[in-house]
Amino acid sequence: MGRWATIWGDLGDLPVRSGGQLSPIIKKSYVLFYFSKPVYPQPPYVLFFAGFLASVSSGYAFSTALQQSVNEWNSRRSTRILATLRGPKLQIPFFGICAGVCVFLASGIQLFGFSAKVAYAMGMPMTLLSGLLIWSQLSRILTLIEEGGSKALDLDSF
């Protein structure tokens, strides 16, 4: 046992052949077991909840900024206010929402056993596509409000 015991540590109560030698199968399996990494790493639960929290808090900031700007526009009826809505005052919270959603999605995918690279490779395009579609829809709604006021959004009038 001398060489294996000194290189790989104490072999404990492993069965030995006569003469004190471990069988080759036991040596190989012990070495693989001793130095193998876990098959599935611990899922990123902290990132899962951090992404969710970042999305919710950025969503609240986005909602507040949008409501304040629309209320200001409603009191003044200026087209310049709606043009500034598409600026950094609204884009920064929207980017925070998208970043939080991306981390949330990727962490959720990792819960199913995918690696981080695969999870972010799947989460980033979904987030980017969804974010672009939502931003284009918001731009269309703001254009409708600018052209016809808040009555342009009244869907019950038909």
Protein backbone atom coordinates (compact mmCIF):
# COMPACT_ATOMS: atom_id res chain seq x y z
CA MET A 1 0.00 0.00 0.00
CA GLY A 2 2.93 2.29 0.47
CA ARG A 3 3.06 4.14 -2.84
CA TRP A 4 -0.70 4.66 -3.26
CA ALA A 5 -1.16 5.54 0.37
CA THR A 6 1.54 8.20 0.28
CA ILE A 7 0.42 9.72 -3.03
CA TRP A 8 -3.36 9.63 -2.55
CA GLY A 9 -3.60 9.76 1.23
CA ASP A 10 -4.79 7.17 3.70
CA LEU A 11 -6.76 4.44 1.98
CA GLY A 12 -8.54 3.45 5.17
CA ASP A 13 -10.38 0.14 5.25
CA LEU A 14 -10.26 -0.68 1.55
CA PRO A 15 -10.04 -4.41 0.84
CA VAL A 16 -6.53 -5.53 -0.01
CA ARG A 17 -5.10 -8.60 -1.68
CA SER A 18 -2.80 -10.92 0.13
CA GLY A 19 0.52 -9.20 0.54
CA GLY A 20 -1.08 -5.84 1.34
CA GLN A 21 -1.65 -4.71 -2.29
CA LEU A 22 -4.89 -3.11 -3.52
CA SER A 23 -6.44 -4.64 -6.60
CA PRO A 24 -6.07 -2.45 -9.72
CA ILE A 25 -9.86 -1.96 -10.00
CA ILE A 26 -10.11 -0.66 -6.44
CA LYS A 27 -7.10 1.64 -6.96
CA LYS A 28 -8.61 3.12 -10.11
CA SER A 29 -12.09 3.59 -8.66
CA TYR A 30 -10.74 5.07 -5.43
CA VAL A 31 -8.56 7.58 -7.29
CA LEU A 32 -11.44 8.57 -9.59
CA PHE A 33 -13.82 8.91 -6.65
CA TYR A 34 -11.35 10.84 -4.54
CA PHE A 35 -10.48 13.41 -7.21
CA SER A 36 -13.71 13.63 -9.16
CA LYS A 37 -15.77 16.81 -9.12
CA PRO A 38 -19.48 16.70 -8.36
CA VAL A 39 -21.51 15.87 -11.44
CA TYR A 40 -24.01 18.68 -10.87
CA PRO A 41 -22.78 21.86 -9.20
CA GLN A 42 -24.97 23.71 -6.75
CA PRO A 43 -27.57 25.81 -8.63
CA PRO A 44 -27.25 29.58 -8.22
CA TYR A 45 -30.19 30.23 -5.92
CA VAL A 46 -28.72 33.56 -4.77
CA LEU A 47 -28.46 34.80 -8.37
CA PHE A 48 -31.97 33.55 -9.03
CA PHE A 49 -33.43 35.72 -6.28
CA ALA A 50 -31.03 38.62 -6.97
CA GLY A 51 -32.15 38.73 -10.61
CA PHE A 52 -35.77 38.68 -9.53
CA LEU A 53 -35.18 41.46 -6.99
CA ALA A 54 -33.27 43.57 -9.54
CA SER A 55 -36.08 43.20 -12.07
CA VAL A 56 -38.80 44.12 -9.59
CA SER A 57 -36.94 47.13 -8.19
CA SER A 58 -36.00 48.39 -11.67
CA GLY A 59 -39.60 47.83 -12.75
CA TYR A 60 -40.81 50.01 -9.91
CA ALA A 61 -38.36 52.77 -10.92
CA PHE A 62 -39.47 52.38 -14.56
CA SER A 63 -43.14 52.61 -13.60
CA THR A 64 -42.59 55.68 -11.44
CA ALA A 65 -40.57 57.49 -14.12
CA LEU A 66 -43.15 56.66 -16.80
CA GLN A 67 -46.09 57.77 -14.64
CA GLN A 68 -44.42 61.05 -13.69
CA SER A 69 -43.55 61.86 -17.29
CA VAL A 70 -47.01 61.02 -18.61
CA ASN A 71 -48.66 63.07 -15.86
CA GLU A 72 -46.35 65.99 -16.66
CA TRP A 73 -47.19 65.66 -20.35
CA ASN A 74 -50.90 65.47 -19.55
CA SER A 75 -50.79 68.72 -17.61
CA ARG A 76 -48.76 70.63 -20.24
CA ARG A 77 -49.62 68.78 -23.49
CA SER A 78 -46.12 69.29 -24.81
CA THR A 79 -44.69 66.89 -27.40
CA ARG A 80 -41.19 67.57 -26.11
CA ILE A 81 -41.91 65.75 -22.85
CA LEU A 82 -42.90 62.58 -24.70
CA ALA A 83 -39.79 62.84 -26.84
CA THR A 84 -37.64 62.92 -23.70
CA LEU A 85 -39.43 59.82 -22.39
CA ARG A 86 -37.40 57.72 -24.76
CA GLY A 87 -34.20 59.07 -23.20
CA PRO A 88 -32.02 57.81 -20.34
CA LYS A 89 -34.66 58.62 -17.71
CA LEU A 90 -36.61 55.60 -18.94
CA GLN A 91 -33.87 53.58 -20.65
CA ILE A 92 -31.73 53.03 -17.54
CA PRO A 93 -34.51 51.39 -15.48
CA PHE A 94 -35.56 49.40 -18.55
CA PHE A 95 -31.99 48.13 -18.94
CA GLY A 96 -32.04 47.19 -15.25
CA ILE A 97 -35.22 45.20 -15.83
CA CYS A 98 -33.65 43.41 -18.79
CA ALA A 99 -30.43 42.64 -16.91
CA GLY A 100 -32.37 41.29 -13.93
CA VAL A 101 -34.57 39.17 -16.17
CA CYS A 102 -31.51 37.78 -17.96
CA VAL A 103 -29.88 36.73 -14.68
CA PHE A 104 -33.20 35.35 -13.43
CA LEU A 105 -33.78 33.32 -16.60
CA ALA A 106 -30.22 32.00 -16.78
CA SER A 107 -30.27 31.01 -13.11
CA GLY A 108 -33.63 29.32 -13.61
CA ILE A 109 -32.23 27.37 -16.55
CA GLN A 110 -29.26 26.34 -14.41
CA LEU A 111 -31.70 24.86 -11.89
CA PHE A 112 -32.43 22.20 -14.51
CA GLY A 113 -28.77 21.16 -14.65
CA PHE A 114 -27.45 23.21 -17.57
CA SER A 115 -24.04 24.86 -17.30
CA ALA A 116 -23.73 28.62 -16.85
CA LYS A 117 -22.51 29.12 -20.43
CA VAL A 118 -25.45 27.24 -21.91
CA ALA A 119 -27.91 28.94 -19.57
CA TYR A 120 -26.72 32.44 -20.47
CA ALA A 121 -26.54 31.48 -24.15
CA MET A 122 -30.25 30.65 -23.90
CA GLY A 123 -31.26 33.47 -21.53
CA MET A 124 -29.59 36.39 -23.27
CA PRO A 125 -31.31 36.04 -26.67
CA MET A 126 -34.69 35.52 -24.99
CA THR A 127 -34.18 38.64 -22.87
CA LEU A 128 -32.86 40.71 -25.77
CA LEU A 129 -35.72 39.74 -28.07
CA SER A 130 -38.36 40.32 -25.40
CA GLY A 131 -36.80 43.64 -24.40
CA LEU A 132 -36.68 44.90 -27.97
CA LEU A 133 -40.29 43.89 -28.60
CA ILE A 134 -41.50 45.55 -25.41
CA TRP A 135 -39.50 48.74 -26.12
CA SER A 136 -40.90 48.97 -29.66
CA GLN A 137 -44.44 48.47 -28.33
CA LEU A 138 -43.88 51.19 -25.73
CA SER A 139 -42.62 53.53 -28.46
CA ARG A 140 -45.76 52.87 -30.52
CA ILE A 141 -47.99 53.55 -27.52
CA LEU A 142 -46.20 56.82 -26.76
CA THR A 143 -46.58 57.85 -30.42
CA LEU A 144 -50.32 57.09 -30.23
CA ILE A 145 -50.62 59.17 -27.08
CA GLU A 146 -48.69 62.01 -28.70
CA GLU A 147 -50.94 62.02 -31.78
CA GLY A 148 -54.35 61.44 -30.25
CA GLY A 149 -54.03 61.90 -26.52
CA SER A 150 -55.03 59.32 -23.97
CA LYS A 151 -58.30 58.68 -25.85
CA ALA A 152 -56.24 56.99 -28.58
CA LEU A 153 -55.60 54.12 -26.17
CA ASP A 154 -59.23 53.64 -25.21
CA LEU A 155 -59.93 50.12 -26.44
CA ASP A 156 -63.53 50.01 -25.16
CA SER A 157 -64.78 52.69 -27.52
CA PHE A 158 -65.22 50.34 -30.49
